[in-house]
Amino acid sequence: MVVVPARGGEPVAVVNLMGWLFLAVASGPFELVDELVEEAAAASSVILVDFHAEATSEKIALARYLDGRVTAVIGTHTHVQTNDARVQPGGTAAITDAGMTGPHDSVIGVRAELAISRMRTGVPIRFHPADGGVRIEGALVECDPTTGRALSCEPVRVPVQA
């Protein structure tokens, strides 16, 4: 957990977790999250959880589990922005995957022909970044800095001019 200042100077506690479904991690996120959220709440009323996980179900489950206890749960890892940005009933903003910043004329940032070759043949190949269609993606969460409750959650997608 780290505390960073928001644009207005208010402290924001950021918790980073990794999912365990389809990933090899030492401890599952549900084993650690309660203690981390308690520590974050002692530092700030605004708490952002960056949840780096493969399975959308695991990301949704964590967001539901933390509803009302953190400001936002932002899923990452799959590089594909999901269309489910929302504020849950308890006041926690959530999006299953914030998306990717990088070249979208690609296979999740990699030159398409290289990714396709690896998938078709199973032969490992060195990946190289793709070019074209660069975008910045993420999520914009507005919240009450006093209570930490989210007021809105919107996906962000901005094309980058070359």
N, C-alpha and C. Protein backbone atom coordinates (compact mmCIF):
# COMPACT_ATOMS: atom_id res chain seq x y z
N MET A 1 0.85 -1.16 0.00
CA MET A 1 0.00 0.00 0.00
C MET A 1 0.89 1.23 0.00
N VAL A 2 0.49 2.21 -0.81
CA VAL A 2 1.21 3.47 -0.89
C VAL A 2 0.18 4.60 -0.83
N VAL A 3 0.58 5.73 -0.29
CA VAL A 3 -0.29 6.89 -0.24
C VAL A 3 0.30 7.95 -1.15
N VAL A 4 -0.53 8.46 -2.07
CA VAL A 4 -0.11 9.50 -3.00
C VAL A 4 -1.08 10.67 -2.91
N PRO A 5 -0.62 11.88 -3.23
CA PRO A 5 -1.54 13.02 -3.18
C PRO A 5 -2.39 13.11 -4.44
N ALA A 6 -3.68 13.43 -4.26
CA ALA A 6 -4.56 13.70 -5.40
C ALA A 6 -4.27 15.10 -5.91
N ARG A 7 -4.90 15.48 -7.00
CA ARG A 7 -4.68 16.79 -7.59
C ARG A 7 -4.91 17.91 -6.58
N GLY A 8 -5.90 17.76 -5.71
CA GLY A 8 -6.19 18.78 -4.69
C GLY A 8 -5.35 18.64 -3.44
N GLY A 9 -4.45 17.66 -3.42
CA GLY A 9 -3.58 17.46 -2.27
C GLY A 9 -4.07 16.43 -1.28
N GLU A 10 -5.32 15.97 -1.43
CA GLU A 10 -5.86 14.96 -0.52
C GLU A 10 -5.09 13.65 -0.68
N PRO A 11 -4.87 12.93 0.42
CA PRO A 11 -4.17 11.65 0.30
C PRO A 11 -5.07 10.57 -0.32
N VAL A 12 -4.49 9.77 -1.18
CA VAL A 12 -5.17 8.62 -1.78
C VAL A 12 -4.34 7.39 -1.47
N ALA A 13 -4.94 6.41 -0.84
CA ALA A 13 -4.25 5.15 -0.56
C ALA A 13 -4.46 4.21 -1.75
N VAL A 14 -3.37 3.65 -2.25
CA VAL A 14 -3.43 2.75 -3.40
C VAL A 14 -2.96 1.37 -2.96
N VAL A 15 -3.82 0.39 -3.19
CA VAL A 15 -3.52 -1.01 -2.86
C VAL A 15 -3.41 -1.77 -4.18
N ASN A 16 -2.32 -2.49 -4.36
CA ASN A 16 -2.14 -3.33 -5.55
C ASN A 16 -2.25 -4.79 -5.16
N LEU A 17 -3.11 -5.51 -5.86
CA LEU A 17 -3.29 -6.94 -5.61
C LEU A 17 -3.20 -7.71 -6.92
N MET A 18 -2.76 -8.95 -6.82
CA MET A 18 -2.78 -9.85 -7.97
C MET A 18 -3.77 -10.97 -7.72
N GLY A 19 -4.53 -11.28 -8.75
CA GLY A 19 -5.45 -12.40 -8.67
C GLY A 19 -4.69 -13.72 -8.69
N TRP A 20 -5.38 -14.78 -8.30
CA TRP A 20 -4.72 -16.09 -8.30
C TRP A 20 -5.31 -17.05 -9.32
N LEU A 21 -6.50 -16.78 -9.86
CA LEU A 21 -7.07 -17.67 -10.87
C LEU A 21 -6.25 -17.57 -12.16
N PHE A 22 -5.73 -18.66 -12.63
CA PHE A 22 -4.94 -18.77 -13.85
C PHE A 22 -3.57 -18.07 -13.76
N LEU A 23 -3.18 -17.65 -12.57
CA LEU A 23 -1.88 -17.01 -12.36
C LEU A 23 -1.19 -17.70 -11.19
N ALA A 24 0.12 -17.74 -11.21
CA ALA A 24 0.87 -18.37 -10.12
C ALA A 24 1.33 -17.28 -9.15
N VAL A 25 0.64 -17.18 -8.01
CA VAL A 25 1.02 -16.20 -6.99
C VAL A 25 1.15 -16.93 -5.65
N ALA A 26 1.89 -16.32 -4.74
CA ALA A 26 2.16 -16.96 -3.45
C ALA A 26 0.94 -17.01 -2.54
N SER A 27 0.12 -15.95 -2.57
CA SER A 27 -1.07 -15.88 -1.72
C SER A 27 -2.23 -15.33 -2.52
N GLY A 28 -3.41 -15.83 -2.23
CA GLY A 28 -4.60 -15.34 -2.90
C GLY A 28 -4.99 -13.96 -2.39
N PRO A 29 -5.61 -13.13 -3.23
CA PRO A 29 -5.96 -11.77 -2.83
C PRO A 29 -6.95 -11.71 -1.67
N PHE A 30 -7.85 -12.66 -1.58
CA PHE A 30 -8.84 -12.63 -0.51
C PHE A 30 -8.21 -12.94 0.85
N GLU A 31 -7.02 -13.55 0.85
CA GLU A 31 -6.30 -13.80 2.10
C GLU A 31 -5.68 -12.53 2.66
N LEU A 32 -5.40 -11.56 1.80
CA LEU A 32 -4.63 -10.38 2.18
C LEU A 32 -5.44 -9.09 2.21
N VAL A 33 -6.54 -9.04 1.49
CA VAL A 33 -7.19 -7.77 1.22
C VAL A 33 -7.75 -7.07 2.46
N ASP A 34 -8.30 -7.80 3.41
CA ASP A 34 -8.88 -7.15 4.59
C ASP A 34 -7.84 -6.36 5.38
N GLU A 35 -6.70 -6.95 5.60
CA GLU A 35 -5.63 -6.28 6.33
C GLU A 35 -5.11 -5.07 5.56
N LEU A 36 -4.97 -5.21 4.25
CA LEU A 36 -4.49 -4.10 3.43
C LEU A 36 -5.49 -2.94 3.40
N VAL A 37 -6.77 -3.25 3.34
CA VAL A 37 -7.79 -2.20 3.33
C VAL A 37 -7.83 -1.49 4.69
N GLU A 38 -7.67 -2.23 5.77
CA GLU A 38 -7.61 -1.60 7.11
C GLU A 38 -6.44 -0.63 7.18
N GLU A 39 -5.29 -1.06 6.71
CA GLU A 39 -4.10 -0.21 6.71
C GLU A 39 -4.33 1.04 5.85
N ALA A 40 -4.94 0.86 4.68
CA ALA A 40 -5.22 1.97 3.79
C ALA A 40 -6.22 2.95 4.41
N ALA A 41 -7.25 2.42 5.08
CA ALA A 41 -8.27 3.27 5.70
C ALA A 41 -7.69 4.12 6.82
N ALA A 42 -6.64 3.65 7.46
CA ALA A 42 -5.99 4.43 8.51
C ALA A 42 -5.23 5.62 7.90
N ALA A 43 -4.90 5.53 6.63
CA ALA A 43 -4.12 6.58 5.97
C ALA A 43 -4.98 7.55 5.17
N SER A 44 -6.15 7.11 4.70
CA SER A 44 -6.97 7.95 3.83
C SER A 44 -8.39 7.43 3.75
N SER A 45 -9.33 8.33 3.49
CA SER A 45 -10.71 7.89 3.25
C SER A 45 -10.89 7.49 1.79
N VAL A 46 -9.97 7.91 0.92
CA VAL A 46 -10.03 7.55 -0.50
C VAL A 46 -9.05 6.40 -0.73
N ILE A 47 -9.62 5.25 -1.13
CA ILE A 47 -8.81 4.04 -1.31
C ILE A 47 -9.07 3.48 -2.71
N LEU A 48 -8.00 3.35 -3.48
CA LEU A 48 -8.07 2.78 -4.82
C LEU A 48 -7.40 1.41 -4.79
N VAL A 49 -8.12 0.39 -5.26
CA VAL A 49 -7.55 -0.95 -5.36
C VAL A 49 -7.32 -1.25 -6.84
N ASP A 50 -6.05 -1.46 -7.20
CA ASP A 50 -5.66 -1.88 -8.54
C ASP A 50 -5.57 -3.40 -8.48
N PHE A 51 -6.48 -4.07 -9.17
CA PHE A 51 -6.54 -5.52 -9.10
C PHE A 51 -6.11 -6.13 -10.43
N HIS A 52 -4.88 -6.63 -10.46
CA HIS A 52 -4.26 -7.20 -11.65
C HIS A 52 -4.59 -8.69 -11.68
N ALA A 53 -5.57 -9.06 -12.49
CA ALA A 53 -6.04 -10.45 -12.49
C ALA A 53 -6.46 -10.87 -13.89
N GLU A 54 -6.42 -12.17 -14.12
CA GLU A 54 -6.78 -12.74 -15.42
C GLU A 54 -8.30 -12.91 -15.55
N ALA A 55 -8.92 -13.45 -14.54
CA ALA A 55 -10.34 -13.81 -14.63
C ALA A 55 -11.26 -12.64 -14.29
N THR A 56 -12.19 -12.36 -15.21
CA THR A 56 -13.15 -11.29 -14.94
C THR A 56 -14.00 -11.62 -13.72
N SER A 57 -14.31 -12.87 -13.52
CA SER A 57 -15.13 -13.26 -12.37
C SER A 57 -14.44 -12.92 -11.06
N GLU A 58 -13.13 -13.11 -11.00
CA GLU A 58 -12.38 -12.80 -9.78
C GLU A 58 -12.37 -11.29 -9.53
N LYS A 59 -12.24 -10.51 -10.60
CA LYS A 59 -12.25 -9.05 -10.46
C LYS A 59 -13.61 -8.56 -9.97
N ILE A 60 -14.67 -9.09 -10.54
CA ILE A 60 -16.02 -8.70 -10.12
C ILE A 60 -16.27 -9.13 -8.68
N ALA A 61 -15.84 -10.32 -8.33
CA ALA A 61 -16.04 -10.81 -6.95
C ALA A 61 -15.33 -9.92 -5.95
N LEU A 62 -14.10 -9.50 -6.24
CA LEU A 62 -13.37 -8.64 -5.31
C LEU A 62 -14.06 -7.28 -5.20
N ALA A 63 -14.51 -6.74 -6.31
CA ALA A 63 -15.22 -5.45 -6.27
C ALA A 63 -16.48 -5.56 -5.42
N ARG A 64 -17.21 -6.65 -5.57
CA ARG A 64 -18.43 -6.85 -4.76
C ARG A 64 -18.07 -7.03 -3.28
N TYR A 65 -17.02 -7.77 -3.01
CA TYR A 65 -16.59 -8.01 -1.63
C TYR A 65 -16.19 -6.71 -0.94
N LEU A 66 -15.56 -5.81 -1.68
CA LEU A 66 -15.07 -4.56 -1.10
C LEU A 66 -16.07 -3.41 -1.19
N ASP A 67 -17.23 -3.65 -1.77
CA ASP A 67 -18.22 -2.58 -1.94
C ASP A 67 -18.55 -1.92 -0.60
N GLY A 68 -18.38 -0.60 -0.57
CA GLY A 68 -18.64 0.17 0.64
C GLY A 68 -17.43 0.35 1.53
N ARG A 69 -16.34 -0.38 1.24
CA ARG A 69 -15.13 -0.28 2.07
C ARG A 69 -13.99 0.45 1.37
N VAL A 70 -14.05 0.53 0.05
CA VAL A 70 -13.02 1.25 -0.71
C VAL A 70 -13.71 2.15 -1.73
N THR A 71 -12.97 3.11 -2.25
CA THR A 71 -13.52 4.04 -3.22
C THR A 71 -13.69 3.39 -4.59
N ALA A 72 -12.68 2.62 -5.01
CA ALA A 72 -12.73 2.02 -6.35
C ALA A 72 -11.91 0.75 -6.42
N VAL A 73 -12.38 -0.18 -7.24
CA VAL A 73 -11.63 -1.38 -7.60
C VAL A 73 -11.50 -1.32 -9.12
N ILE A 74 -10.27 -1.15 -9.58
CA ILE A 74 -9.99 -1.03 -11.01
C ILE A 74 -9.23 -2.28 -11.45
N GLY A 75 -9.87 -3.06 -12.31
CA GLY A 75 -9.24 -4.27 -12.82
C GLY A 75 -8.25 -3.95 -13.93
N THR A 76 -7.15 -4.71 -13.95
CA THR A 76 -6.15 -4.58 -15.01
C THR A 76 -5.68 -5.97 -15.41
N HIS A 77 -4.95 -6.06 -16.49
CA HIS A 77 -4.20 -7.22 -16.96
C HIS A 77 -4.60 -7.69 -18.35
N THR A 78 -5.88 -7.71 -18.69
CA THR A 78 -6.26 -8.33 -19.95
C THR A 78 -6.10 -7.42 -21.16
N HIS A 79 -5.81 -6.14 -20.95
CA HIS A 79 -5.53 -5.18 -22.01
C HIS A 79 -6.76 -4.81 -22.84
N VAL A 80 -7.93 -5.29 -22.49
CA VAL A 80 -9.14 -4.98 -23.24
C VAL A 80 -10.11 -4.29 -22.30
N GLN A 81 -10.40 -3.02 -22.60
CA GLN A 81 -11.29 -2.25 -21.73
C GLN A 81 -12.69 -2.85 -21.75
N THR A 82 -13.24 -3.06 -20.57
CA THR A 82 -14.58 -3.63 -20.45
C THR A 82 -15.63 -2.52 -20.40
N ASN A 83 -16.85 -2.87 -20.73
CA ASN A 83 -17.95 -1.92 -20.80
C ASN A 83 -18.85 -2.06 -19.57
N ASP A 84 -18.23 -2.07 -18.37
CA ASP A 84 -19.02 -2.28 -17.17
C ASP A 84 -18.67 -1.30 -16.04
N ALA A 85 -18.17 -0.10 -16.40
CA ALA A 85 -17.85 0.89 -15.37
C ALA A 85 -19.14 1.23 -14.63
N ARG A 86 -19.05 1.26 -13.30
CA ARG A 86 -20.26 1.47 -12.50
C ARG A 86 -19.88 1.91 -11.10
N VAL A 87 -20.88 2.41 -10.38
CA VAL A 87 -20.76 2.61 -8.95
C VAL A 87 -21.72 1.62 -8.32
N GLN A 88 -21.20 0.76 -7.47
CA GLN A 88 -21.98 -0.29 -6.83
C GLN A 88 -22.84 0.31 -5.70
N PRO A 89 -23.83 -0.44 -5.22
CA PRO A 89 -24.75 0.08 -4.21
C PRO A 89 -24.10 0.64 -2.95
N GLY A 90 -22.96 0.09 -2.54
CA GLY A 90 -22.28 0.57 -1.34
C GLY A 90 -21.39 1.77 -1.55
N GLY A 91 -21.27 2.23 -2.82
CA GLY A 91 -20.47 3.42 -3.10
C GLY A 91 -19.08 3.15 -3.61
N THR A 92 -18.80 1.94 -4.05
CA THR A 92 -17.49 1.60 -4.62
C THR A 92 -17.59 1.59 -6.14
N ALA A 93 -16.73 2.37 -6.79
CA ALA A 93 -16.65 2.36 -8.24
C ALA A 93 -15.91 1.10 -8.68
N ALA A 94 -16.26 0.60 -9.85
CA ALA A 94 -15.59 -0.61 -10.35
C ALA A 94 -15.63 -0.64 -11.87
N ILE A 95 -14.57 -1.20 -12.42
CA ILE A 95 -14.53 -1.56 -13.84
C ILE A 95 -13.69 -2.84 -13.90
N THR A 96 -14.16 -3.82 -14.65
CA THR A 96 -13.47 -5.11 -14.69
C THR A 96 -12.08 -5.00 -15.31
N ASP A 97 -11.94 -4.19 -16.35
CA ASP A 97 -10.60 -3.94 -16.90
C ASP A 97 -10.54 -2.54 -17.47
N ALA A 98 -9.56 -1.77 -17.01
CA ALA A 98 -9.40 -0.38 -17.43
C ALA A 98 -8.90 -0.27 -18.86
N GLY A 99 -8.36 -1.34 -19.41
CA GLY A 99 -7.90 -1.33 -20.78
C GLY A 99 -6.40 -1.19 -20.91
N MET A 100 -5.98 -0.74 -22.09
CA MET A 100 -4.56 -0.71 -22.41
C MET A 100 -4.18 0.66 -22.95
N THR A 101 -3.04 1.13 -22.54
CA THR A 101 -2.46 2.30 -23.17
C THR A 101 -1.38 1.79 -24.10
N GLY A 102 -1.58 2.03 -25.38
CA GLY A 102 -0.64 1.53 -26.37
C GLY A 102 -1.29 1.36 -27.73
N PRO A 103 -0.63 0.62 -28.63
CA PRO A 103 -1.13 0.45 -29.99
C PRO A 103 -2.29 -0.55 -30.07
N HIS A 104 -3.44 -0.09 -30.49
CA HIS A 104 -4.61 -0.95 -30.57
C HIS A 104 -4.73 -1.67 -31.91
N ASP A 105 -3.93 -1.29 -32.90
CA ASP A 105 -3.88 -2.04 -34.16
C ASP A 105 -2.91 -3.20 -33.93
N SER A 106 -3.33 -4.14 -33.07
CA SER A 106 -2.40 -5.15 -32.57
C SER A 106 -3.19 -6.29 -31.92
N VAL A 107 -2.45 -7.21 -31.33
CA VAL A 107 -3.03 -8.22 -30.43
C VAL A 107 -2.49 -7.87 -29.05
N ILE A 108 -3.29 -7.20 -28.28
CA ILE A 108 -2.96 -6.63 -26.97
C ILE A 108 -1.56 -6.00 -26.91
N GLY A 109 -1.27 -5.17 -27.93
CA GLY A 109 -0.03 -4.41 -27.95
C GLY A 109 1.10 -5.02 -28.76
N VAL A 110 0.94 -6.27 -29.16
CA VAL A 110 1.98 -7.00 -29.90
C VAL A 110 1.63 -7.00 -31.40
N ARG A 111 2.67 -6.99 -32.24
CA ARG A 111 2.43 -7.11 -33.67
C ARG A 111 1.57 -8.34 -33.92
N ALA A 112 0.45 -8.13 -34.63
CA ALA A 112 -0.54 -9.20 -34.81
C ALA A 112 0.05 -10.46 -35.42
N GLU A 113 0.90 -10.31 -36.44
CA GLU A 113 1.42 -11.49 -37.13
C GLU A 113 2.27 -12.36 -36.20
N LEU A 114 2.96 -11.74 -35.25
CA LEU A 114 3.78 -12.50 -34.30
C LEU A 114 2.89 -13.27 -33.31
N ALA A 115 1.88 -12.59 -32.78
CA ALA A 115 0.98 -13.26 -31.84
C ALA A 115 0.22 -14.40 -32.52
N ILE A 116 -0.22 -14.16 -33.74
CA ILE A 116 -0.96 -15.19 -34.48
C ILE A 116 -0.06 -16.38 -34.78
N SER A 117 1.17 -16.13 -35.16
CA SER A 117 2.11 -17.22 -35.44
C SER A 117 2.30 -18.09 -34.20
N ARG A 118 2.50 -17.46 -33.07
CA ARG A 118 2.69 -18.23 -31.83
C ARG A 118 1.44 -19.05 -31.49
N MET A 119 0.27 -18.45 -31.68
CA MET A 119 -0.98 -19.16 -31.37
C MET A 119 -1.24 -20.31 -32.34
N ARG A 120 -0.87 -20.14 -33.59
CA ARG A 120 -1.12 -21.18 -34.59
C ARG A 120 -0.14 -22.34 -34.45
N THR A 121 1.12 -22.04 -34.11
CA THR A 121 2.15 -23.08 -34.13
C THR A 121 2.55 -23.57 -32.74
N GLY A 122 2.31 -22.76 -31.72
CA GLY A 122 2.76 -23.11 -30.37
C GLY A 122 4.25 -22.91 -30.16
N VAL A 123 4.94 -22.41 -31.18
CA VAL A 123 6.38 -22.18 -31.10
C VAL A 123 6.62 -20.81 -30.46
N PRO A 124 7.41 -20.77 -29.39
CA PRO A 124 7.71 -19.47 -28.77
C PRO A 124 8.39 -18.53 -29.77
N ILE A 125 8.02 -17.29 -29.71
CA ILE A 125 8.57 -16.30 -30.62
C ILE A 125 8.72 -14.99 -29.85
N ARG A 126 9.76 -14.25 -30.16
CA ARG A 126 9.96 -12.96 -29.48
C ARG A 126 8.90 -11.98 -29.97
N PHE A 127 8.18 -11.40 -29.01
CA PHE A 127 7.16 -10.41 -29.35
C PHE A 127 7.79 -9.03 -29.49
N HIS A 128 7.24 -8.24 -30.39
CA HIS A 128 7.65 -6.86 -30.59
C HIS A 128 6.39 -5.99 -30.54
N PRO A 129 6.52 -4.78 -29.99
CA PRO A 129 5.36 -3.90 -29.93
C PRO A 129 4.85 -3.53 -31.32
N ALA A 130 3.55 -3.39 -31.41
CA ALA A 130 2.93 -2.99 -32.67
C ALA A 130 2.97 -1.47 -32.82
N ASP A 131 2.59 -1.02 -33.99
CA ASP A 131 2.47 0.41 -34.27
C ASP A 131 1.02 0.69 -34.65
N GLY A 132 0.59 1.92 -34.44
CA GLY A 132 -0.71 2.35 -34.97
C GLY A 132 -1.85 2.24 -34.00
N GLY A 133 -2.76 3.20 -34.14
CA GLY A 133 -3.98 3.20 -33.33
C GLY A 133 -3.71 3.37 -31.85
N VAL A 134 -2.71 4.16 -31.50
CA VAL A 134 -2.34 4.31 -30.10
C VAL A 134 -3.45 5.04 -29.34
N ARG A 135 -3.81 4.49 -28.19
CA ARG A 135 -4.82 5.08 -27.32
C ARG A 135 -4.36 5.03 -25.88
N ILE A 136 -4.88 5.95 -25.13
CA ILE A 136 -4.73 5.92 -23.67
C ILE A 136 -6.09 5.48 -23.13
N GLU A 137 -6.11 4.42 -22.34
CA GLU A 137 -7.36 3.95 -21.74
C GLU A 137 -7.23 3.90 -20.23
N GLY A 138 -8.34 3.99 -19.58
CA GLY A 138 -8.37 3.94 -18.12
C GLY A 138 -9.78 4.18 -17.62
N ALA A 139 -9.88 4.67 -16.41
CA ALA A 139 -11.18 4.97 -15.81
C ALA A 139 -11.07 6.26 -15.03
N LEU A 140 -12.12 7.05 -15.07
CA LEU A 140 -12.20 8.29 -14.31
C LEU A 140 -13.23 8.10 -13.21
N VAL A 141 -12.76 8.20 -11.97
CA VAL A 141 -13.63 8.02 -10.81
C VAL A 141 -13.72 9.35 -10.08
N GLU A 142 -14.94 9.83 -9.89
CA GLU A 142 -15.17 11.02 -9.08
C GLU A 142 -15.68 10.53 -7.73
N CYS A 143 -15.14 11.13 -6.66
CA CYS A 143 -15.55 10.68 -5.34
C CYS A 143 -15.63 11.85 -4.36
N ASP A 144 -16.28 11.60 -3.25
CA ASP A 144 -16.33 12.55 -2.14
C ASP A 144 -15.07 12.31 -1.32
N PRO A 145 -14.16 13.28 -1.25
CA PRO A 145 -12.89 13.05 -0.54
C PRO A 145 -13.06 12.88 0.97
N THR A 146 -14.18 13.31 1.51
CA THR A 146 -14.41 13.16 2.95
C THR A 146 -14.84 11.75 3.31
N THR A 147 -15.79 11.21 2.54
CA THR A 147 -16.32 9.88 2.84
C THR A 147 -15.61 8.77 2.08
N GLY A 148 -14.99 9.13 0.94
CA GLY A 148 -14.36 8.12 0.09
C GLY A 148 -15.35 7.41 -0.81
N ARG A 149 -16.62 7.77 -0.75
CA ARG A 149 -17.62 7.12 -1.62
C ARG A 149 -17.51 7.63 -3.04
N ALA A 150 -17.59 6.72 -3.99
CA ALA A 150 -17.55 7.09 -5.40
C ALA A 150 -18.87 7.73 -5.80
N LEU A 151 -18.79 8.76 -6.63
CA LEU A 151 -19.97 9.44 -7.16
C LEU A 151 -20.22 9.03 -8.60
N SER A 152 -19.15 8.72 -9.33
CA SER A 152 -19.28 8.28 -10.72
C SER A 152 -18.05 7.48 -11.12
N CYS A 153 -18.22 6.70 -12.18
CA CYS A 153 -17.13 5.91 -12.74
C CYS A 153 -17.37 5.80 -14.23
N GLU A 154 -16.43 6.32 -15.00
CA GLU A 154 -16.57 6.33 -16.45
C GLU A 154 -15.30 5.78 -17.10
N PRO A 155 -15.46 4.96 -18.15
CA PRO A 155 -14.26 4.54 -18.89
C PRO A 155 -13.69 5.72 -19.65
N VAL A 156 -12.38 5.72 -19.84
CA VAL A 156 -11.69 6.76 -20.59
C VAL A 156 -10.98 6.11 -21.75
N ARG A 157 -11.15 6.68 -22.92
CA ARG A 157 -10.44 6.20 -24.11
C ARG A 157 -10.09 7.41 -24.97
N VAL A 158 -8.81 7.70 -25.09
CA VAL A 158 -8.36 8.88 -25.80
C VAL A 158 -7.39 8.46 -26.90
N PRO A 159 -7.74 8.72 -28.16
CA PRO A 159 -6.77 8.44 -29.23
C PRO A 159 -5.60 9.40 -29.14
N VAL A 160 -4.41 8.91 -29.40
CA VAL A 160 -3.21 9.73 -29.37
C VAL A 160 -2.86 10.10 -30.81
N GLN A 161 -2.71 11.38 -31.04
CA GLN A 161 -2.33 11.85 -32.37
C GLN A 161 -0.83 11.67 -32.56
N ALA A 162 -0.45 11.10 -33.68
CA ALA A 162 0.98 10.87 -33.96
C ALA A 162 1.67 12.12 -34.41
